Amino acid sequence: MDSWSPDSWRTRPAQQQPRYADPAALDAVVDRLRGLPPLVTAAEVEELKAELALAAGGGRFLLQAGDCAEPFGACGAVTVRRKLRFLLELGDVLARGTGRPVVPVGRIAGQFAKPRTTDTERVGDVELPVYRGDNVNRADATWEARQPDPALLEQGYWHAARAMDALRTHAASERRPLFSSHEALLLPFEEAMTRPAGEDGRAYGLGAHFLWLGDRTRHLEGAHVEFLRGIANPIGIKVGPRCAPEELVALVRLLDPRREPGRITLITRYGKDAIRGFLPLHVRALRAAGLEALWCCDPMHGNTRLVRGRKTRHFDDVMEELRTAFALHAEEGSRLGGIHLELTDDAVTECLGGPEGLDAGDLDRRYETACDPRLNAAQGLELASDLSRMLHREQPPCLAAQLPRGTGTYPRPE
């Protein structure tokens, strides 16, 4: 890879990075992280890449799911095993419908940071720096807690290591693979976890098996794209209404120069009202360029709304985007090969609707997320059951002929 190195991202503009008061303290933490063992292995990364290649061809189905922003306190063995059991339960529901093995990838063992729309938020009567995840600052509503602290990156490593130990133990007991993933957001950490591996010495990001590029950080000339283009991991790209077709084509070409099967997963996140105008254009653009990827639907992020001062999503909106994605892929001769969800096995009341009929009055009952709202266990199982029926029928509901397609416009990200 010409002129690439694990730190070449530092020559590019980097979005969504914390502003640390003491850069020297950050450098010291990154130096210590470089000397610690990797969290995953290159062999495991390659195993996942092979599974994702099969999913792109219809032989597997990707289930990527877990917390919005994983808290450090949820990395104990008991909690991790409970999460993984639920992930595998959802996978079993999907597998019964499709007859294909499901590839379980958790938002786990490192999803400790989140990009945010604004730098501050109002908590009661006080304006505070926004909470960006346990890897960056603390959720407590005080000025001191909200200051970015580089020591949290090192703490995050050890919490991720605990979670990975539990993941490997559970995978061994279940005799099936389990994989970890997180957004490649905090580039100093990702750089420190990058190691050469294999006979050809290719660089791997060994902080997780699967890393994804966010909708706010996928600038072609940006630091995140520069970092991800050089590592051998499978890469997810979040694709929303702000992504023009030619930009998507350029991203895939840049991030997958070797045309490796299983390398690129496109995680679409439009919202139920926008998907009709944008997904067909993205599918056609990729096909016209002769490029291939695994198409995965994220029906959560485009359907966020504010109700009674709380961010929430409605189960019906989530299902509408999922069904529409299924239909449009079939109409375009493409294939929906995976789903990406924010959910929990707990009985939280963060998303409206679903089998329990949660309404706005329920939001305060068990609203526990520090960032985005998650489907609860009942909602997750209902979604998996509905998707299983779609997959079982092979031909999705005949919605596509009734949908206006390819009418979107693409405002450029700032």
Protein backbone atom coordinates (compact mmCIF):
# COMPACT_ATOMS: atom_id res chain seq x y z
CA MET A 1 0.00 0.00 0.00
CA ASP A 2 1.72 3.14 -1.25
CA SER A 3 2.64 5.69 1.43
CA TRP A 4 0.39 4.07 4.03
CA SER A 5 1.44 3.39 7.62
CA PRO A 6 -0.57 2.92 10.82
CA ASP A 7 0.01 6.59 11.63
CA SER A 8 -0.40 8.12 8.15
CA TRP A 9 -3.93 9.15 9.16
CA ARG A 10 -2.28 11.88 11.23
CA THR A 11 -1.61 13.85 8.03
CA ARG A 12 -5.36 14.05 7.27
CA PRO A 13 -8.23 15.96 8.88
CA ALA A 14 -9.73 13.82 11.65
CA GLN A 15 -13.40 14.27 12.57
CA GLN A 16 -15.03 13.39 15.90
CA GLN A 17 -11.77 13.19 17.88
CA PRO A 18 -11.74 14.24 21.56
CA ARG A 19 -9.88 17.43 22.42
CA TYR A 20 -7.52 16.32 25.17
CA ALA A 21 -6.17 18.97 27.50
CA ASP A 22 -2.83 17.14 27.79
CA PRO A 23 -1.61 15.70 24.45
CA ALA A 24 1.50 14.32 26.13
CA ALA A 25 -0.67 12.18 28.42
CA LEU A 26 -2.45 10.80 25.35
CA ASP A 27 0.87 9.97 23.70
CA ALA A 28 2.00 8.11 26.83
CA VAL A 29 -1.20 6.04 26.86
CA VAL A 30 -0.85 5.18 23.16
CA ASP A 31 2.77 4.10 23.73
CA ARG A 32 1.66 1.75 26.51
CA LEU A 33 -1.14 0.35 24.35
CA ARG A 34 1.35 -0.48 21.59
CA GLY A 35 3.13 -2.79 24.01
CA LEU A 36 0.01 -4.73 25.04
CA PRO A 37 -1.17 -7.98 23.40
CA PRO A 38 -3.72 -7.65 20.59
CA LEU A 39 -7.36 -8.29 21.46
CA VAL A 40 -8.05 -10.54 18.46
CA THR A 41 -5.91 -12.55 16.04
CA ALA A 42 -5.34 -12.20 12.33
CA ALA A 43 -6.57 -15.78 11.85
CA GLU A 44 -9.88 -14.91 13.49
CA VAL A 45 -10.17 -11.80 11.30
CA GLU A 46 -9.62 -13.89 8.19
CA GLU A 47 -12.20 -16.43 9.35
CA LEU A 48 -14.78 -13.66 9.62
CA LYS A 49 -13.83 -12.29 6.21
CA ALA A 50 -14.45 -15.70 4.68
CA GLU A 51 -17.86 -15.89 6.38
CA LEU A 52 -18.81 -12.43 5.11
CA ALA A 53 -17.80 -13.42 1.59
CA LEU A 54 -20.24 -16.33 1.83
CA ALA A 55 -22.93 -13.97 3.12
CA ALA A 56 -22.43 -11.68 0.12
CA GLY A 57 -23.06 -14.69 -2.12
CA GLY A 58 -26.19 -15.80 -0.26
CA GLY A 59 -24.63 -18.65 1.70
CA ARG A 60 -24.72 -16.90 5.09
CA PHE A 61 -26.65 -14.07 6.78
CA LEU A 62 -24.92 -11.41 8.89
CA LEU A 63 -26.39 -10.50 12.27
CA GLN A 64 -24.51 -7.55 13.78
CA ALA A 65 -26.07 -6.30 17.00
CA GLY A 66 -25.48 -4.95 20.48
CA ASP A 67 -25.28 -1.82 22.59
CA CYS A 68 -25.27 1.67 21.17
CA ALA A 69 -22.36 2.72 23.41
CA GLU A 70 -21.08 -0.20 25.42
CA PRO A 71 -20.41 0.76 29.06
CA PHE A 72 -17.28 -0.46 30.81
CA GLY A 73 -19.47 -1.93 33.53
CA ALA A 74 -21.07 -4.35 31.04
CA CYS A 75 -17.83 -6.22 30.28
CA GLY A 76 -17.94 -8.76 33.10
CA ALA A 77 -18.16 -12.43 32.17
CA VAL A 78 -21.75 -12.92 33.36
CA THR A 79 -23.06 -9.89 31.48
CA VAL A 80 -21.13 -10.70 28.31
CA ARG A 81 -22.35 -14.31 28.30
CA ARG A 82 -25.92 -13.11 28.69
CA LYS A 83 -25.54 -10.74 25.74
CA LEU A 84 -23.97 -13.44 23.59
CA ARG A 85 -26.69 -15.95 24.44
CA PHE A 86 -29.26 -13.44 23.24
CA LEU A 87 -27.28 -12.72 20.06
CA LEU A 88 -27.13 -16.44 19.31
CA GLU A 89 -30.83 -16.84 20.12
CA LEU A 90 -31.66 -14.17 17.55
CA GLY A 91 -29.33 -15.89 15.10
CA ASP A 92 -31.10 -19.22 15.62
CA VAL A 93 -34.45 -17.57 14.86
CA LEU A 94 -33.03 -16.17 11.61
CA ALA A 95 -31.36 -19.45 10.67
CA ARG A 96 -34.65 -21.32 10.99
CA GLY A 97 -36.15 -18.99 8.42
CA THR A 98 -33.35 -18.93 5.89
CA GLY A 99 -31.83 -22.37 6.30
CA ARG A 100 -28.45 -20.63 6.11
CA PRO A 101 -25.92 -20.26 8.90
CA VAL A 102 -25.97 -16.87 10.58
CA VAL A 103 -22.72 -14.96 11.19
CA PRO A 104 -22.99 -13.45 14.71
CA VAL A 105 -21.02 -10.21 15.15
CA GLY A 106 -21.52 -8.32 18.39
CA ARG A 107 -21.17 -4.61 18.96
CA ILE A 108 -19.11 -5.76 21.90
CA ALA A 109 -15.63 -5.73 23.49
CA GLY A 110 -14.78 -2.24 22.31
CA GLN A 111 -17.87 -0.25 21.23
CA PHE A 112 -16.99 2.29 23.90
CA ALA A 113 -17.16 5.51 21.87
CA LYS A 114 -19.79 7.26 19.77
CA PRO A 115 -19.70 10.12 17.26
CA ARG A 116 -22.02 12.94 18.29
CA THR A 117 -23.89 15.58 16.34
CA THR A 118 -23.05 18.43 18.73
CA ASP A 119 -20.20 19.13 21.13
CA THR A 120 -22.49 20.04 24.03
CA GLU A 121 -25.83 18.95 25.46
CA ARG A 122 -28.23 20.40 28.01
CA VAL A 123 -28.69 18.33 31.17
CA GLY A 124 -31.41 19.97 33.22
CA ASP A 125 -30.47 23.64 33.34
CA VAL A 126 -26.77 23.08 32.64
CA GLU A 127 -24.94 23.02 29.30
CA LEU A 128 -22.22 20.34 29.39
CA PRO A 129 -19.77 18.75 26.97
CA VAL A 130 -21.58 15.86 25.31
CA TYR A 131 -20.98 12.33 26.55
CA ARG A 132 -18.97 10.46 23.88
CA GLY A 133 -18.72 7.03 25.46
CA ASP A 134 -16.71 5.50 28.30
CA ASN A 135 -13.53 5.47 26.20
CA VAL A 136 -13.62 9.28 26.07
CA ASN A 137 -15.40 10.75 29.10
CA ARG A 138 -17.93 9.84 31.77
CA ALA A 139 -21.72 10.03 31.62
CA ASP A 140 -22.07 11.76 35.02
CA ALA A 141 -23.65 15.18 34.56
CA THR A 142 -20.73 17.24 35.83
CA TRP A 143 -18.20 19.39 34.03
CA GLU A 144 -15.30 17.34 35.42
CA ALA A 145 -16.77 14.00 34.31
CA ARG A 146 -17.34 15.24 30.78
CA GLN A 147 -13.71 16.19 30.15
CA PRO A 148 -11.93 13.81 27.73
CA ASP A 149 -9.48 11.67 29.69
CA PRO A 150 -6.81 9.67 27.78
CA ALA A 151 -6.51 7.24 30.70
CA LEU A 152 -9.95 5.93 29.70
CA LEU A 153 -8.47 4.56 26.47
CA GLU A 154 -6.20 2.31 28.50
CA GLN A 155 -9.05 1.30 30.79
CA GLY A 156 -11.08 0.51 27.68
CA TYR A 157 -8.41 -1.90 26.50
CA TRP A 158 -8.58 -3.93 29.70
CA HIS A 159 -12.39 -3.96 29.73
CA ALA A 160 -12.37 -5.09 26.10
CA ALA A 161 -9.86 -7.83 26.98
CA ARG A 162 -12.20 -9.10 29.73
CA ALA A 163 -15.12 -9.12 27.31
CA MET A 164 -13.07 -10.94 24.65
CA ASP A 165 -12.06 -13.61 27.16
CA ALA A 166 -15.74 -14.18 27.92
CA LEU A 167 -16.58 -14.19 24.20
CA ARG A 168 -13.97 -16.85 23.41
CA THR A 169 -15.07 -19.00 26.35
CA HIS A 170 -18.71 -18.78 25.27
CA ALA A 171 -17.85 -19.49 21.64
CA ALA A 172 -15.93 -22.59 22.70
CA SER A 173 -18.81 -23.83 24.87
CA GLU A 174 -21.29 -23.29 22.02
CA ARG A 175 -18.88 -24.73 19.44
CA ARG A 176 -19.55 -21.93 16.99
CA PRO A 177 -17.69 -18.74 16.14
CA LEU A 178 -18.50 -15.35 17.63
CA PHE A 179 -16.97 -12.10 16.47
CA SER A 180 -16.45 -8.61 17.88
CA SER A 181 -16.89 -5.24 16.20
CA HIS A 182 -16.84 -1.53 16.88
CA GLU A 183 -16.72 1.73 15.00
CA ALA A 184 -13.14 2.70 14.13
CA LEU A 185 -13.61 6.11 15.69
CA LEU A 186 -10.74 6.85 18.09
CA LEU A 187 -7.78 6.68 15.77
CA PRO A 188 -4.97 6.80 18.36
CA PHE A 189 -6.36 3.58 19.86
CA GLU A 190 -6.81 1.92 16.46
CA GLU A 191 -3.25 2.86 15.50
CA ALA A 192 -1.89 1.31 18.70
CA MET A 193 -3.80 -1.93 18.03
CA THR A 194 -2.47 -2.25 14.45
CA ARG A 195 0.08 -5.00 14.02
CA PRO A 196 1.74 -6.82 11.09
CA ALA A 197 0.67 -10.46 10.81
CA GLY A 198 0.91 -13.39 8.43
CA GLU A 199 3.57 -14.32 5.93
CA ASP A 200 3.12 -11.15 3.88
CA GLY A 201 3.22 -8.90 6.96
CA ARG A 202 -0.06 -7.14 6.13
CA ALA A 203 -1.32 -4.80 8.82
CA TYR A 204 -4.36 -5.85 10.85
CA GLY A 205 -6.41 -3.76 13.24
CA LEU A 206 -6.38 -6.22 16.11
CA GLY A 207 -8.66 -4.29 18.45
CA ALA A 208 -11.67 -6.07 16.90
CA HIS A 209 -12.50 -8.52 14.14
CA PHE A 210 -14.69 -6.07 12.21
CA LEU A 211 -14.36 -2.28 12.11
CA TRP A 212 -16.78 0.14 10.54
CA LEU A 213 -16.59 3.62 9.08
CA GLY A 214 -19.29 5.97 10.33
CA ASP A 215 -21.62 8.22 8.38
CA ARG A 216 -19.89 11.25 9.96
CA THR A 217 -16.31 10.09 9.28
CA ARG A 218 -16.33 8.63 5.76
CA HIS A 219 -14.78 11.65 4.03
CA LEU A 220 -12.63 10.45 1.14
CA GLU A 221 -9.70 12.67 2.16
CA GLY A 222 -10.26 12.19 5.88
CA ALA A 223 -8.19 10.45 8.52
CA HIS A 224 -10.59 7.55 9.11
CA VAL A 225 -10.63 6.47 5.47
CA GLU A 226 -6.85 6.84 5.33
CA PHE A 227 -6.44 4.55 8.34
CA LEU A 228 -8.92 1.90 7.22
CA ARG A 229 -7.61 1.62 3.68
CA GLY A 230 -4.39 0.07 4.95
CA ILE A 231 -5.60 -2.66 7.30
CA ALA A 232 -6.66 -6.15 6.23
CA ASN A 233 -9.84 -6.44 8.36
CA PRO A 234 -13.31 -6.62 6.88
CA ILE A 235 -14.63 -3.05 6.84
CA GLY A 236 -18.18 -1.76 7.19
CA ILE A 237 -19.23 1.53 5.60
CA LYS A 238 -22.30 3.31 6.98
CA VAL A 239 -24.26 4.62 3.97
CA GLY A 240 -26.99 7.22 4.37
CA PRO A 241 -28.76 9.95 2.39
CA ARG A 242 -25.67 12.19 2.50
CA CYS A 243 -23.61 9.66 0.52
CA ALA A 244 -23.73 10.40 -3.21
CA PRO A 245 -23.47 7.34 -5.52
CA GLU A 246 -20.13 8.47 -6.95
CA GLU A 247 -18.79 8.95 -3.41
CA LEU A 248 -19.80 5.40 -2.51
CA VAL A 249 -18.06 4.02 -5.57
CA ALA A 250 -14.91 5.99 -4.75
CA LEU A 251 -14.95 4.75 -1.15
CA VAL A 252 -15.28 1.10 -2.13
CA ARG A 253 -12.50 1.43 -4.69
CA LEU A 254 -10.22 3.11 -2.17
CA LEU A 255 -10.94 0.71 0.69
CA ASP A 256 -10.94 -2.47 -1.39
CA PRO A 257 -8.19 -2.09 -4.00
CA ARG A 258 -7.53 -5.85 -4.05
CA ARG A 259 -11.22 -6.69 -4.64
CA GLU A 260 -11.16 -9.14 -1.74
CA PRO A 261 -14.31 -11.20 -1.11
CA GLY A 262 -15.73 -10.33 2.31
CA ARG A 263 -13.74 -7.10 2.59
CA ILE A 264 -16.60 -4.54 2.29
CA THR A 265 -19.97 -4.54 4.03
CA LEU A 266 -22.29 -1.64 3.14
CA ILE A 267 -24.48 -0.84 6.16
CA THR A 268 -27.36 1.26 4.83
CA ARG A 269 -29.11 3.66 7.22
CA TYR A 270 -31.57 5.92 5.43
CA GLY A 271 -34.77 6.09 7.49
CA LYS A 272 -38.10 4.71 6.37
CA ASP A 273 -39.00 7.82 4.36
CA ALA A 274 -35.66 8.21 2.56
CA ILE A 275 -34.74 4.63 1.65
CA ARG A 276 -36.94 4.59 -1.46
CA GLY A 277 -35.03 7.46 -3.02
CA PHE A 278 -31.49 6.39 -2.20
CA LEU A 279 -30.95 2.63 -1.91
CA PRO A 280 -31.68 1.87 -5.60
CA LEU A 281 -29.21 4.55 -6.72
CA HIS A 282 -26.48 3.13 -4.49
CA VAL A 283 -27.10 -0.44 -5.68
CA ARG A 284 -27.03 0.64 -9.34
CA ALA A 285 -23.89 2.73 -8.89
CA LEU A 286 -21.97 -0.15 -7.36
CA ARG A 287 -23.11 -2.56 -10.06
CA ALA A 288 -22.26 -0.13 -12.87
CA ALA A 289 -18.74 0.23 -11.44
CA GLY A 290 -18.31 -3.55 -11.39
CA LEU A 291 -17.90 -3.59 -7.60
CA GLU A 292 -19.24 -6.08 -5.08
CA ALA A 293 -20.08 -5.87 -1.39
CA LEU A 294 -22.28 -7.39 1.27
CA TRP A 295 -25.44 -5.28 1.70
CA CYS A 296 -26.60 -4.94 5.29
CA CYS A 297 -29.60 -2.94 6.57
CA ASP A 298 -29.35 -0.73 9.66
CA PRO A 299 -33.02 0.23 10.21
CA MET A 300 -32.29 2.00 13.50
CA HIS A 301 -30.23 5.14 12.94
CA GLY A 302 -32.34 6.81 10.27
CA ASN A 303 -35.50 6.49 12.34
CA THR A 304 -34.52 8.33 15.51
CA ARG A 305 -37.02 10.89 16.81
CA LEU A 306 -37.40 13.09 19.90
CA VAL A 307 -40.38 12.34 22.17
CA ARG A 308 -40.83 14.10 25.51
CA GLY A 309 -37.22 15.20 25.39
CA ARG A 310 -35.88 11.67 24.84
CA LYS A 311 -34.38 10.14 21.72
CA THR A 312 -36.43 7.14 20.68
CA ARG A 313 -37.37 4.97 17.70
CA HIS A 314 -40.67 3.35 16.84
CA PHE A 315 -40.68 -0.37 16.18
CA ASP A 316 -43.04 0.08 13.22
CA ASP A 317 -40.61 2.53 11.57
CA VAL A 318 -37.73 0.09 12.05
CA MET A 319 -39.73 -2.74 10.49
CA GLU A 320 -40.89 -0.56 7.60
CA GLU A 321 -37.32 0.31 6.63
CA LEU A 322 -36.28 -3.34 6.91
CA ARG A 323 -39.16 -4.58 4.75
CA THR A 324 -38.56 -1.86 2.19
CA ALA A 325 -34.86 -2.68 2.02
CA PHE A 326 -35.71 -6.32 1.45
CA ALA A 327 -38.14 -5.44 -1.33
CA LEU A 328 -35.91 -2.92 -3.08
CA HIS A 329 -32.91 -5.24 -3.13
CA ALA A 330 -35.06 -7.90 -4.79
CA GLU A 331 -36.39 -5.40 -7.33
CA GLU A 332 -32.84 -4.29 -8.19
CA GLY A 333 -31.58 -7.86 -8.53
CA SER A 334 -29.46 -7.39 -5.43
CA ARG A 335 -29.52 -9.25 -2.11
CA LEU A 336 -29.98 -8.15 1.49
CA GLY A 337 -27.33 -10.19 3.26
CA GLY A 338 -27.37 -8.84 6.80
CA ILE A 339 -28.87 -6.64 9.48
CA HIS A 340 -27.27 -4.21 11.94
CA LEU A 341 -29.17 -3.43 15.16
CA GLU A 342 -28.80 -1.56 18.41
CA LEU A 343 -30.49 -3.76 20.99
CA THR A 344 -30.22 -5.32 24.42
CA ASP A 345 -31.52 -8.45 26.11
CA ASP A 346 -32.86 -6.29 28.95
CA ALA A 347 -36.51 -5.20 29.30
CA VAL A 348 -35.72 -1.53 28.66
CA THR A 349 -38.34 0.93 27.43
CA GLU A 350 -36.28 3.01 25.00
CA CYS A 351 -38.07 2.27 21.70
CA LEU A 352 -41.80 2.68 21.19
CA GLY A 353 -44.26 0.09 19.91
CA GLY A 354 -43.45 -3.56 19.42
CA PRO A 355 -45.18 -6.57 20.95
CA GLU A 356 -45.61 -4.80 24.30
CA GLY A 357 -47.16 -1.71 22.69
CA LEU A 358 -44.84 0.72 24.48
CA ASP A 359 -45.93 4.35 24.23
CA ALA A 360 -44.47 7.73 25.19
CA GLY A 361 -45.57 7.26 28.78
CA ASP A 362 -43.31 4.21 29.10
CA LEU A 363 -40.10 5.99 28.12
CA ASP A 364 -39.25 7.09 31.65
CA ARG A 365 -39.89 3.64 33.10
CA ARG A 366 -36.62 1.97 32.02
CA TYR A 367 -34.70 4.34 29.78
CA GLU A 368 -31.15 3.28 30.51
CA THR A 369 -29.04 4.00 27.43
CA ALA A 370 -26.52 6.81 27.70
CA CYS A 371 -26.70 7.53 23.95
CA ASP A 372 -29.12 6.05 21.40
CA PRO A 373 -32.27 4.01 22.16
CA ARG A 374 -32.10 0.22 21.81
CA LEU A 375 -34.69 -2.41 21.02
CA ASN A 376 -35.47 -4.51 24.08
CA ALA A 377 -35.50 -8.32 24.16
CA ALA A 378 -39.16 -8.69 23.15
CA GLN A 379 -38.78 -6.21 20.29
CA GLY A 380 -35.57 -7.88 19.10
CA LEU A 381 -37.17 -11.31 19.02
CA GLU A 382 -40.23 -9.96 17.20
CA LEU A 383 -38.01 -8.33 14.57
CA ALA A 384 -35.98 -11.53 14.15
CA SER A 385 -39.17 -13.57 13.73
CA ASP A 386 -40.53 -11.20 11.08
CA LEU A 387 -37.22 -11.16 9.22
CA SER A 388 -37.03 -14.95 9.44
CA ARG A 389 -40.36 -15.18 7.64
CA MET A 390 -39.11 -12.82 4.90
CA LEU A 391 -35.98 -14.89 4.43
CA HIS A 392 -37.97 -18.12 4.40
CA ARG A 393 -40.17 -16.88 1.58
CA GLU A 394 -37.04 -15.95 -0.39
CA GLN A 395 -39.12 -13.56 -2.47
CA PRO A 396 -39.86 -10.50 -0.29
CA PRO A 397 -43.20 -8.72 -0.03
CA CYS A 398 -44.15 -7.11 -3.36
CA LEU A 399 -43.62 -3.56 -2.21
CA ALA A 400 -41.02 -2.45 -4.68
CA ALA A 401 -43.28 -1.96 -7.69
CA GLN A 402 -45.32 0.51 -5.65
CA LEU A 403 -42.34 2.56 -4.45
CA PRO A 404 -41.00 5.69 -6.16
CA ARG A 405 -37.29 4.97 -6.57
CA GLY A 406 -34.12 6.87 -7.31
CA THR A 407 -35.44 10.34 -6.54
CA GLY A 408 -33.05 11.39 -3.79
CA THR A 409 -30.71 14.34 -3.63
CA TYR A 410 -27.41 14.26 -1.77
CA PRO A 411 -26.44 17.17 0.48
CA ARG A 412 -22.71 17.01 1.06
CA PRO A 413 -21.49 16.37 4.62
CA GLU A 414 -19.71 19.27 6.21
